[in-house]
């Protein structure tokens, strides 16, 4: 167990299974509560104005939150040698949040109505608090106590939902409702996350310019790769919009929404292991690394197969329940969406795994190749299969990218060092020159 100055002795590490369960339970509750916010803002309002503003704020802020995160979550939990302290990760997070805020506001000023600027600012602040909490969750995971993470997510989910509903019901003000969510999540940060994470390490919020520049350079390729990967399904959707119109895109997006369960389920499986893989790697334990890899791949396939079968049985019923009878003729879109979700889950998994073993160029090229492939695939697949073409194009591109990543991963596993001091820095040049 990695602890500083004998801290954390009262919190022995949990098993991988317990960590998975806590992480999954907390994440599901949090996502469900955030989804309920988007539903209740409509139910509690006399018009759709607040719902539209909230949706716009979530969309705009979500885009720039990716840059604020700067792929530091995966990097931090795989920092087994403790090259950087929690203090430095917190300092770096504030820098990336500041940069993302400037970009977000510039984008909002250019593309959004003036009346939406304040909700966007307030929602960015709310999101920023959560991104600070994520750094403390990284410290919890390094010490194998993801029950703290699960409990934090549960507290965040219920408290923000309750705060939003109460304030919006009383005031009908979206701005005050978002402020109340921020106050709630700040309460979880101060009263729960800080005391529990400090059981493992004392920290502040500081970073040198030299270290900040180092981290900006080190993870830049991963950020570019993440942006390319996140755009994989945007390209075929945009082509579908141009080719078949708003209605086709709306139908496809509605059917595809429940399939997010597959991708999230896969993420909950492997995220608790992102500090275990680099331990095996640095210890030179190739057998344990490969065994865990095989089990994780099998688990993702199992989750995918179960979801494919489940949606095959109840998918149409669930779509009718959510969207009404008008969606019935399009239930055939669901199964290809599940396949695309499984392929995307493997792209995410191999990408994160390459970051944990510090093979940044493998993560970069896998996502870039997938993005390059999606452009011609979108044209061919959508022209050939219509709305299903979005799923087919995304699935094929994701699998191509995953195979590229698998090539780099095989090389990294072959070169597993024999001692903890022998780890090779594979990220100096993303071109490999």
Protein backbone atom coordinates (compact mmCIF):
# COMPACT_ATOMS: atom_id res chain seq x y z
CA UNK A 1 0.00 0.00 0.00
CA UNK A 2 1.32 3.44 -0.92
CA UNK A 3 1.00 5.80 2.04
CA UNK A 4 2.98 8.79 3.23
CA UNK A 5 4.32 9.02 6.77
CA UNK A 6 2.28 5.97 7.85
CA UNK A 7 -0.95 7.76 7.04
CA UNK A 8 -3.85 5.61 5.95
CA UNK A 9 -3.09 2.84 8.44
CA UNK A 10 -6.71 2.97 9.56
CA UNK A 11 -7.86 2.45 5.97
CA UNK A 12 -6.36 -0.76 4.57
CA UNK A 13 -6.76 -1.28 0.81
CA UNK A 14 -9.91 -2.97 -0.48
CA UNK A 15 -10.05 -5.82 -2.97
CA UNK A 16 -10.38 -5.12 -6.69
CA UNK A 17 -13.95 -6.46 -6.59
CA UNK A 18 -14.96 -4.17 -3.73
CA UNK A 19 -13.40 -1.18 -5.47
CA UNK A 20 -15.26 -2.00 -8.69
CA UNK A 21 -18.57 -2.31 -6.86
CA UNK A 22 -18.17 0.97 -4.99
CA UNK A 23 -16.98 2.84 -8.08
CA UNK A 24 -19.83 1.44 -10.20
CA UNK A 25 -22.51 2.10 -7.59
CA UNK A 26 -21.38 5.68 -6.95
CA UNK A 27 -20.97 6.53 -10.63
CA UNK A 28 -24.38 5.11 -11.56
CA UNK A 29 -26.13 7.04 -8.77
CA UNK A 30 -24.38 10.26 -9.77
CA UNK A 31 -25.19 9.88 -13.47
CA UNK A 32 -28.80 9.00 -12.65
CA UNK A 33 -29.16 12.10 -10.48
CA UNK A 34 -27.66 14.32 -13.17
CA UNK A 35 -30.07 12.80 -15.69
CA UNK A 36 -32.98 13.48 -13.32
CA UNK A 37 -31.96 17.15 -13.20
CA UNK A 38 -32.45 17.38 -16.98
CA UNK A 39 -35.88 15.75 -16.63
CA UNK A 40 -37.12 17.73 -13.62
CA UNK A 41 -36.07 21.10 -15.04
CA UNK A 42 -38.82 20.47 -17.63
CA UNK A 43 -41.36 19.10 -15.15
CA UNK A 44 -40.94 22.00 -12.73
CA UNK A 45 -40.99 24.72 -15.38
CA UNK A 46 -43.88 26.25 -17.28
CA UNK A 47 -41.84 26.36 -20.50
CA UNK A 48 -38.83 24.73 -22.14
CA UNK A 49 -36.63 27.83 -21.83
CA UNK A 50 -34.77 26.71 -18.69
CA UNK A 51 -34.30 23.21 -20.07
CA UNK A 52 -32.83 24.62 -23.27
CA UNK A 53 -30.43 26.90 -21.40
CA UNK A 54 -29.33 24.08 -19.10
CA UNK A 55 -28.77 21.75 -22.05
CA UNK A 56 -26.71 24.42 -23.83
CA UNK A 57 -24.63 25.11 -20.72
CA UNK A 58 -23.99 21.41 -20.14
CA UNK A 59 -22.97 20.90 -23.77
CA UNK A 60 -20.63 23.89 -24.00
CA UNK A 61 -19.02 23.32 -20.59
CA UNK A 62 -18.73 19.57 -21.21
CA UNK A 63 -16.63 20.21 -24.31
CA UNK A 64 -14.14 22.41 -22.47
CA UNK A 65 -14.19 20.24 -19.34
CA UNK A 66 -12.39 17.63 -21.44
CA UNK A 67 -9.51 20.05 -21.89
CA UNK A 68 -9.65 21.06 -18.22
CA UNK A 69 -9.29 17.39 -17.26
CA UNK A 70 -6.24 17.15 -19.56
CA UNK A 71 -6.20 13.35 -19.21
CA UNK A 72 -4.79 13.77 -15.71
CA UNK A 73 -7.19 11.24 -14.15
CA UNK A 74 -5.62 8.25 -15.89
CA UNK A 75 -2.13 9.75 -15.54
CA UNK A 76 -2.48 10.35 -11.80
CA UNK A 77 -3.88 6.96 -10.81
CA UNK A 78 -1.08 5.24 -12.76
CA UNK A 79 1.62 7.42 -11.16
CA UNK A 80 2.80 4.49 -9.05
CA UNK A 81 6.30 5.90 -8.56
CA UNK A 82 4.80 9.17 -7.24
CA UNK A 83 6.67 11.37 -9.67
CA UNK A 84 4.18 14.13 -8.87
CA UNK A 85 2.50 14.95 -5.57
CA UNK A 86 -1.20 15.52 -4.99
CA UNK A 87 -0.31 19.16 -4.29
CA UNK A 88 1.13 19.42 -7.80
CA UNK A 89 -1.83 17.66 -9.41
CA UNK A 90 -4.19 20.11 -7.68
CA UNK A 91 -2.06 23.07 -8.77
CA UNK A 92 -2.02 21.79 -12.35
CA UNK A 93 -5.77 21.23 -12.31
CA UNK A 94 -6.33 24.88 -11.38
CA UNK A 95 -4.13 25.95 -14.31
CA UNK A 96 -6.01 23.79 -16.82
CA UNK A 97 -9.33 24.96 -15.38
CA UNK A 98 -8.27 28.58 -15.90
CA UNK A 99 -7.20 27.88 -19.49
CA UNK A 100 -10.41 25.98 -20.21
CA UNK A 101 -12.53 28.78 -18.71
CA UNK A 102 -10.94 31.37 -21.03
CA UNK A 103 -11.55 29.12 -24.04
CA UNK A 104 -15.09 28.32 -22.94
CA UNK A 105 -16.03 31.98 -22.51
CA UNK A 106 -14.49 32.95 -25.85
CA UNK A 107 -16.44 30.19 -27.57
CA UNK A 108 -19.66 31.13 -25.75
CA UNK A 109 -19.32 34.82 -26.66
CA UNK A 110 -18.93 33.93 -30.33
CA UNK A 111 -21.52 31.17 -30.67
CA UNK A 112 -24.12 31.54 -27.90
CA UNK A 113 -26.84 34.12 -27.12
CA UNK A 114 -25.87 36.73 -24.52
CA UNK A 115 -28.64 35.52 -22.22
CA UNK A 116 -26.95 32.13 -21.94
CA UNK A 117 -23.56 33.44 -20.76
CA UNK A 118 -24.36 33.59 -17.04
CA UNK A 119 -25.75 30.01 -16.88
CA UNK A 120 -22.64 28.84 -18.77
CA UNK A 121 -20.33 30.62 -16.31
CA UNK A 122 -22.21 29.23 -13.31
CA UNK A 123 -22.29 25.70 -14.71
CA UNK A 124 -18.56 25.87 -15.45
CA UNK A 125 -17.91 26.72 -11.79
CA UNK A 126 -20.09 23.80 -10.72
CA UNK A 127 -18.18 21.47 -13.05
CA UNK A 128 -14.84 22.87 -11.86
CA UNK A 129 -15.52 21.83 -8.26
CA UNK A 130 -16.17 18.28 -9.46
CA UNK A 131 -12.91 18.27 -11.40
CA UNK A 132 -11.03 19.32 -8.25
CA UNK A 133 -12.71 16.46 -6.37
CA UNK A 134 -11.50 14.09 -9.11
CA UNK A 135 -7.89 14.78 -8.07
CA UNK A 136 -8.68 13.73 -4.51
CA UNK A 137 -10.39 10.64 -5.90
CA UNK A 138 -7.15 9.84 -7.69
CA UNK A 139 -5.38 9.81 -4.32
CA UNK A 140 -8.10 7.54 -2.92
CA UNK A 141 -7.66 5.12 -5.83
CA UNK A 142 -3.88 5.03 -5.47
CA UNK A 143 -4.50 3.81 -1.94
CA UNK A 144 -7.13 1.31 -3.16
CA UNK A 145 -10.00 2.94 -1.25
CA UNK A 146 -12.55 3.52 -3.99
CA UNK A 147 -15.33 3.20 -1.43
CA UNK A 148 -14.54 6.84 -0.63
CA UNK A 149 -15.01 7.64 -4.31
CA UNK A 150 -18.31 5.77 -4.51
CA UNK A 151 -19.66 7.43 -1.37
CA UNK A 152 -18.55 10.84 -2.62
CA UNK A 153 -20.38 10.34 -5.91
CA UNK A 154 -23.51 9.21 -4.07
CA UNK A 155 -23.37 12.28 -1.82
CA UNK A 156 -22.74 14.57 -4.81
CA UNK A 157 -25.59 13.02 -6.78
CA UNK A 158 -28.29 13.20 -4.13
CA UNK A 159 -27.24 16.58 -2.68
CA UNK A 160 -27.04 18.34 -6.05
CA UNK A 161 -30.34 16.86 -7.19
CA UNK A 162 -32.09 17.90 -3.97
CA UNK A 163 -30.55 21.38 -4.07
CA UNK A 164 -31.50 21.94 -7.70
CA UNK A 165 -35.08 20.74 -7.28
CA UNK A 166 -35.70 22.73 -4.10
CA UNK A 167 -34.26 26.03 -5.35
CA UNK A 168 -35.69 25.81 -8.86
CA UNK A 169 -39.12 24.90 -7.46
CA UNK A 170 -39.04 27.90 -5.11
CA UNK A 171 -37.49 30.50 -7.42
CA UNK A 172 -37.97 29.27 -11.02
CA UNK A 173 -34.45 30.62 -11.52
CA UNK A 174 -32.01 28.36 -13.38
CA UNK A 175 -29.08 30.50 -12.28
CA UNK A 176 -29.88 30.17 -8.58
CA UNK A 177 -30.53 26.45 -9.01
CA UNK A 178 -27.06 25.97 -10.51
CA UNK A 179 -25.55 28.03 -7.68
CA UNK A 180 -27.29 25.75 -5.19
CA UNK A 181 -25.77 22.69 -6.91
CA UNK A 182 -22.33 24.29 -6.61
CA UNK A 183 -22.85 24.93 -2.89
CA UNK A 184 -23.93 21.31 -2.43
CA UNK A 185 -20.89 19.87 -4.21
CA UNK A 186 -18.58 22.25 -2.33
CA UNK A 187 -20.06 20.84 0.87
CA UNK A 188 -19.16 17.30 -0.23
CA UNK A 189 -15.64 18.45 -1.11
CA UNK A 190 -15.02 20.16 2.24
CA UNK A 191 -16.89 17.84 4.58
CA UNK A 192 -16.21 14.44 2.98
CA UNK A 193 -13.51 14.30 0.31
CA UNK A 194 -10.86 16.47 1.94
CA UNK A 195 -10.96 14.74 5.38
CA UNK A 196 -10.92 11.23 3.86
CA UNK A 197 -8.18 11.88 1.29
CA UNK A 198 -5.98 13.54 3.91
CA UNK A 199 -5.93 10.25 5.77
CA UNK A 200 -3.39 9.21 3.12
CA UNK A 201 -1.44 12.38 2.41
CA UNK A 202 -1.24 16.01 3.47
CA UNK A 203 -1.47 18.34 0.48
CA UNK A 204 -1.92 21.91 -0.62
CA UNK A 205 -2.34 23.60 -3.98
CA UNK A 206 1.04 24.48 -5.50
CA UNK A 207 3.03 23.76 -8.64
CA UNK A 208 6.17 25.24 -10.18
CA UNK A 209 6.15 26.71 -13.67
CA UNK A 210 8.70 24.08 -14.72
CA UNK A 211 6.50 21.19 -13.55
CA UNK A 212 3.37 22.74 -15.07
CA UNK A 213 5.09 23.08 -18.46
CA UNK A 214 6.34 19.50 -18.13
CA UNK A 215 2.83 18.13 -17.51
CA UNK A 216 1.35 20.28 -20.29
CA UNK A 217 3.85 18.82 -22.76
CA UNK A 218 3.72 15.28 -21.41
CA UNK A 219 -0.02 14.80 -21.76
CA UNK A 220 -0.59 17.03 -24.79
CA UNK A 221 -0.63 14.10 -27.21
CA UNK A 222 -3.16 12.30 -24.97
CA UNK A 223 -5.40 15.39 -25.00
CA UNK A 224 -5.25 15.56 -28.80
CA UNK A 225 -5.97 11.83 -28.94
CA UNK A 226 -8.92 12.24 -26.60
CA UNK A 227 -10.35 15.03 -28.73
CA UNK A 228 -10.01 12.87 -31.85
CA UNK A 229 -11.59 9.90 -30.10
CA UNK A 230 -14.50 11.92 -28.77
CA UNK A 231 -15.27 13.16 -32.29
CA UNK A 232 -15.59 9.66 -33.78
CA UNK A 233 -19.38 9.57 -33.71
CA UNK A 234 -19.80 13.30 -34.30
CA UNK A 235 -18.57 12.95 -37.89
CA UNK A 236 -21.04 10.27 -39.07
CA UNK A 237 -23.84 12.04 -37.19
CA UNK A 238 -23.08 15.27 -38.99
CA UNK A 239 -23.02 13.45 -42.33
CA UNK A 240 -26.34 11.78 -41.46
CA UNK A 241 -27.76 15.23 -40.71
CA UNK A 242 -26.57 16.58 -44.06
CA UNK A 243 -27.72 13.49 -45.96
CA UNK A 244 -31.07 12.67 -44.32
CA UNK A 245 -32.05 15.72 -42.25
CA UNK A 246 -32.88 16.68 -38.64
CA UNK A 247 -35.49 13.98 -38.11
CA UNK A 248 -33.11 11.12 -38.96
CA UNK A 249 -30.46 12.44 -36.59
CA UNK A 250 -33.03 12.94 -33.84
CA UNK A 251 -34.33 9.40 -34.25
CA UNK A 252 -30.85 7.87 -34.23
CA UNK A 253 -29.74 9.93 -31.19
CA UNK A 254 -32.86 8.91 -29.26
CA UNK A 255 -32.34 5.21 -29.93
CA UNK A 256 -28.61 5.45 -29.19
CA UNK A 257 -29.05 7.15 -25.79
CA UNK A 258 -29.73 3.97 -23.73
CA UNK A 259 -26.65 2.27 -25.24
CA UNK A 260 -24.47 4.56 -23.15
CA UNK A 261 -24.98 1.94 -20.44
CA UNK A 262 -22.63 -0.41 -22.31
CA UNK A 263 -19.78 2.08 -22.53
CA UNK A 264 -20.20 3.21 -18.94
CA UNK A 265 -20.41 -0.40 -17.74
CA UNK A 266 -17.11 -1.19 -19.43
CA UNK A 267 -15.53 1.92 -17.91
CA UNK A 268 -16.62 0.93 -14.41
CA UNK A 269 -14.94 -2.44 -14.96
CA UNK A 270 -11.49 -1.23 -15.93
CA UNK A 271 -11.05 2.16 -14.22
CA UNK A 272 -10.44 0.56 -10.77
CA UNK A 273 -7.61 -1.43 -12.38
CA UNK A 274 -5.71 1.50 -13.87
CA UNK A 275 -3.35 1.58 -10.90
CA UNK A 276 -2.93 -2.22 -10.87
CA UNK A 277 -1.71 -2.55 -14.47
CA UNK A 278 1.24 -0.16 -14.01
CA UNK A 279 2.21 -1.90 -10.76
CA UNK A 280 2.60 -5.18 -12.63
CA UNK A 281 4.36 -3.37 -15.45
CA UNK A 282 6.92 -1.69 -13.17
CA UNK A 283 7.48 -4.89 -11.19
CA UNK A 284 8.26 -6.77 -14.41
CA UNK A 285 5.39 -9.17 -13.69
CA UNK A 286 4.45 -9.92 -17.29
CA UNK A 287 2.37 -12.98 -16.41
CA UNK A 288 0.14 -11.08 -13.96
CA UNK A 289 -0.18 -8.17 -16.41
CA UNK A 290 -1.32 -10.43 -19.26
CA UNK A 291 -3.67 -12.40 -17.01
CA UNK A 292 -5.36 -9.22 -15.80
CA UNK A 293 -5.53 -7.94 -19.38
CA UNK A 294 -7.22 -11.13 -20.57
CA UNK A 295 -9.72 -11.05 -17.69
CA UNK A 296 -10.57 -7.40 -18.35
CA UNK A 297 -11.08 -7.99 -22.08
CA UNK A 298 -13.27 -11.00 -21.29
CA UNK A 299 -15.28 -8.95 -18.78
CA UNK A 300 -15.91 -6.17 -21.32
CA UNK A 301 -17.01 -8.75 -23.89
CA UNK A 302 -19.30 -10.35 -21.29
CA UNK A 303 -20.90 -7.02 -20.39
CA UNK A 304 -21.35 -6.30 -24.09
CA UNK A 305 -22.91 -9.72 -24.75
CA UNK A 306 -25.27 -9.38 -21.79
CA UNK A 307 -26.36 -5.92 -22.87
CA UNK A 308 -26.80 -7.10 -26.46
CA UNK A 309 -29.05 -9.93 -25.29
CA UNK A 310 -30.92 -7.76 -22.78
CA UNK A 311 -31.63 -5.01 -25.28
CA UNK A 312 -32.65 -7.66 -27.79
CA UNK A 313 -35.33 -8.82 -25.34
CA UNK A 314 -36.56 -5.54 -23.85
CA UNK A 315 -35.01 -2.89 -26.08
CA UNK A 316 -38.14 -2.06 -28.04
CA UNK A 317 -40.26 -2.00 -24.87
CA UNK A 318 -37.76 0.35 -23.19
CA UNK A 319 -37.68 2.67 -26.20
CA UNK A 320 -41.49 2.81 -26.29
CA UNK A 321 -41.55 3.58 -22.57
CA UNK A 322 -39.06 6.41 -22.99
CA UNK A 323 -40.12 7.94 -26.30
CA UNK A 324 -43.58 6.66 -27.14
CA UNK A 325 -45.08 4.69 -30.02
CA UNK A 326 -43.48 6.82 -32.71
CA UNK A 327 -40.07 5.25 -32.04
CA UNK A 328 -41.26 1.66 -32.65
CA UNK A 329 -40.37 1.48 -36.37
CA UNK A 330 -36.77 2.35 -35.52
CA UNK A 331 -36.04 -0.23 -32.80
CA UNK A 332 -33.92 -2.11 -35.37
CA UNK A 333 -31.26 0.58 -34.86
CA UNK A 334 -30.56 -0.54 -31.31
CA UNK A 335 -28.49 -3.73 -31.85
CA UNK A 336 -25.89 -2.10 -34.14
CA UNK A 337 -25.60 0.72 -31.59
CA UNK A 338 -24.71 -1.87 -28.93
CA UNK A 339 -21.98 -3.31 -31.17
CA UNK A 340 -20.60 0.19 -31.78
CA UNK A 341 -20.62 0.83 -28.02
CA UNK A 342 -18.59 -2.32 -27.35
CA UNK A 343 -16.03 -1.34 -30.00
CA UNK A 344 -15.79 2.16 -28.48
CA UNK A 345 -15.30 0.66 -25.02
CA UNK A 346 -12.25 -1.25 -26.29
CA UNK A 347 -10.85 1.91 -27.87
CA UNK A 348 -11.20 3.70 -24.52
CA UNK A 349 -9.75 0.81 -22.55
CA UNK A 350 -6.67 0.27 -24.70
CA UNK A 351 -6.10 4.03 -24.87
CA UNK A 352 -6.19 4.43 -21.09
CA UNK A 353 -4.07 1.30 -20.62
CA UNK A 354 -1.37 2.68 -22.93
CA UNK A 355 -1.29 5.88 -20.86
CA UNK A 356 -0.78 3.86 -17.67
CA UNK A 357 2.35 2.24 -19.16
CA UNK A 358 3.38 5.67 -20.53
CA UNK A 359 3.07 4.69 -24.20
CA UNK A 360 1.55 8.00 -25.22
CA UNK A 361 2.36 7.60 -28.90
CA UNK A 362 0.33 4.37 -29.04
CA UNK A 363 -2.68 6.14 -27.54
CA UNK A 364 -2.16 9.06 -29.93
CA UNK A 365 -1.82 7.09 -33.15
CA UNK A 366 -4.67 4.72 -32.30
CA UNK A 367 -7.11 7.60 -31.90
CA UNK A 368 -5.74 9.53 -34.88
CA UNK A 369 -6.00 6.51 -37.19
CA UNK A 370 -9.56 5.89 -35.97
CA UNK A 371 -10.45 9.53 -36.66
CA UNK A 372 -8.88 9.38 -40.12
CA UNK A 373 -10.85 6.22 -40.89
CA UNK A 374 -14.20 7.61 -39.74
CA UNK A 375 -14.36 10.22 -42.51
CA UNK A 376 -14.54 7.88 -45.56
CA UNK A 377 -16.40 5.28 -43.50
CA UNK A 378 -19.14 7.80 -42.66
CA UNK A 379 -19.81 8.53 -46.32
CA UNK A 380 -19.79 4.89 -47.38
CA UNK A 381 -21.77 3.46 -44.44
CA UNK A 382 -24.46 6.15 -44.20
CA UNK A 383 -24.98 6.08 -47.97
CA UNK A 384 -25.21 2.29 -47.83
CA UNK A 385 -27.22 1.69 -44.61
CA UNK A 386 -28.78 5.02 -43.68
CA UNK A 387 -29.13 5.63 -39.95
CA UNK A 388 -27.46 2.30 -39.12
CA UNK A 389 -24.45 3.56 -41.05
CA UNK A 390 -23.54 5.80 -38.10
CA UNK A 391 -23.14 2.73 -35.88
CA UNK A 392 -21.29 0.70 -38.50
CA UNK A 393 -18.87 3.52 -39.30
CA UNK A 394 -18.18 4.18 -35.60
CA UNK A 395 -17.71 0.49 -34.82
CA UNK A 396 -15.29 -0.13 -37.68
CA UNK A 397 -13.25 3.01 -36.97
CA UNK A 398 -13.07 2.17 -33.25
CA UNK A 399 -11.91 -1.37 -33.98
CA UNK A 400 -9.24 -0.11 -36.39
CA UNK A 401 -7.98 2.30 -33.73
CA UNK A 402 -8.11 -0.42 -31.07
CA UNK A 403 -6.01 -2.73 -33.27
CA UNK A 404 -3.38 0.00 -33.71
CA UNK A 405 -3.31 0.45 -29.95
CA UNK A 406 -3.06 -3.30 -29.46
CA UNK A 407 0.06 -3.32 -31.66
CA UNK A 408 1.73 -0.70 -29.45
CA UNK A 409 0.53 -2.48 -26.32
CA UNK A 410 2.06 -5.76 -27.49
CA UNK A 411 5.37 -3.97 -27.97
CA UNK A 412 5.16 -2.40 -24.52
CA UNK A 413 4.35 -5.76 -22.89
CA UNK A 414 7.23 -7.40 -24.75
CA UNK A 415 9.56 -4.74 -23.37
CA UNK A 416 8.25 -4.90 -19.80
CA UNK A 417 11.19 -3.83 -17.60
CA UNK A 418 12.66 -6.22 -15.09
CA UNK A 419 12.92 -3.69 -12.28
CA UNK A 420 11.03 -0.68 -11.03
CA UNK A 421 13.81 1.63 -12.22
CA UNK A 422 13.81 0.33 -15.75
CA UNK A 423 10.55 1.81 -17.00
CA UNK A 424 11.01 3.36 -20.40
CA UNK A 425 9.66 6.80 -21.25
CA UNK A 426 7.77 6.14 -24.45
CA UNK A 427 6.38 9.62 -24.87
CA UNK A 428 9.25 11.92 -25.78
CA UNK A 429 8.11 12.20 -29.38
CA UNK A 430 4.61 11.20 -30.47
CA UNK A 431 5.95 10.51 -33.94
CA UNK A 432 8.38 7.94 -32.54
CA UNK A 433 11.38 9.62 -34.17
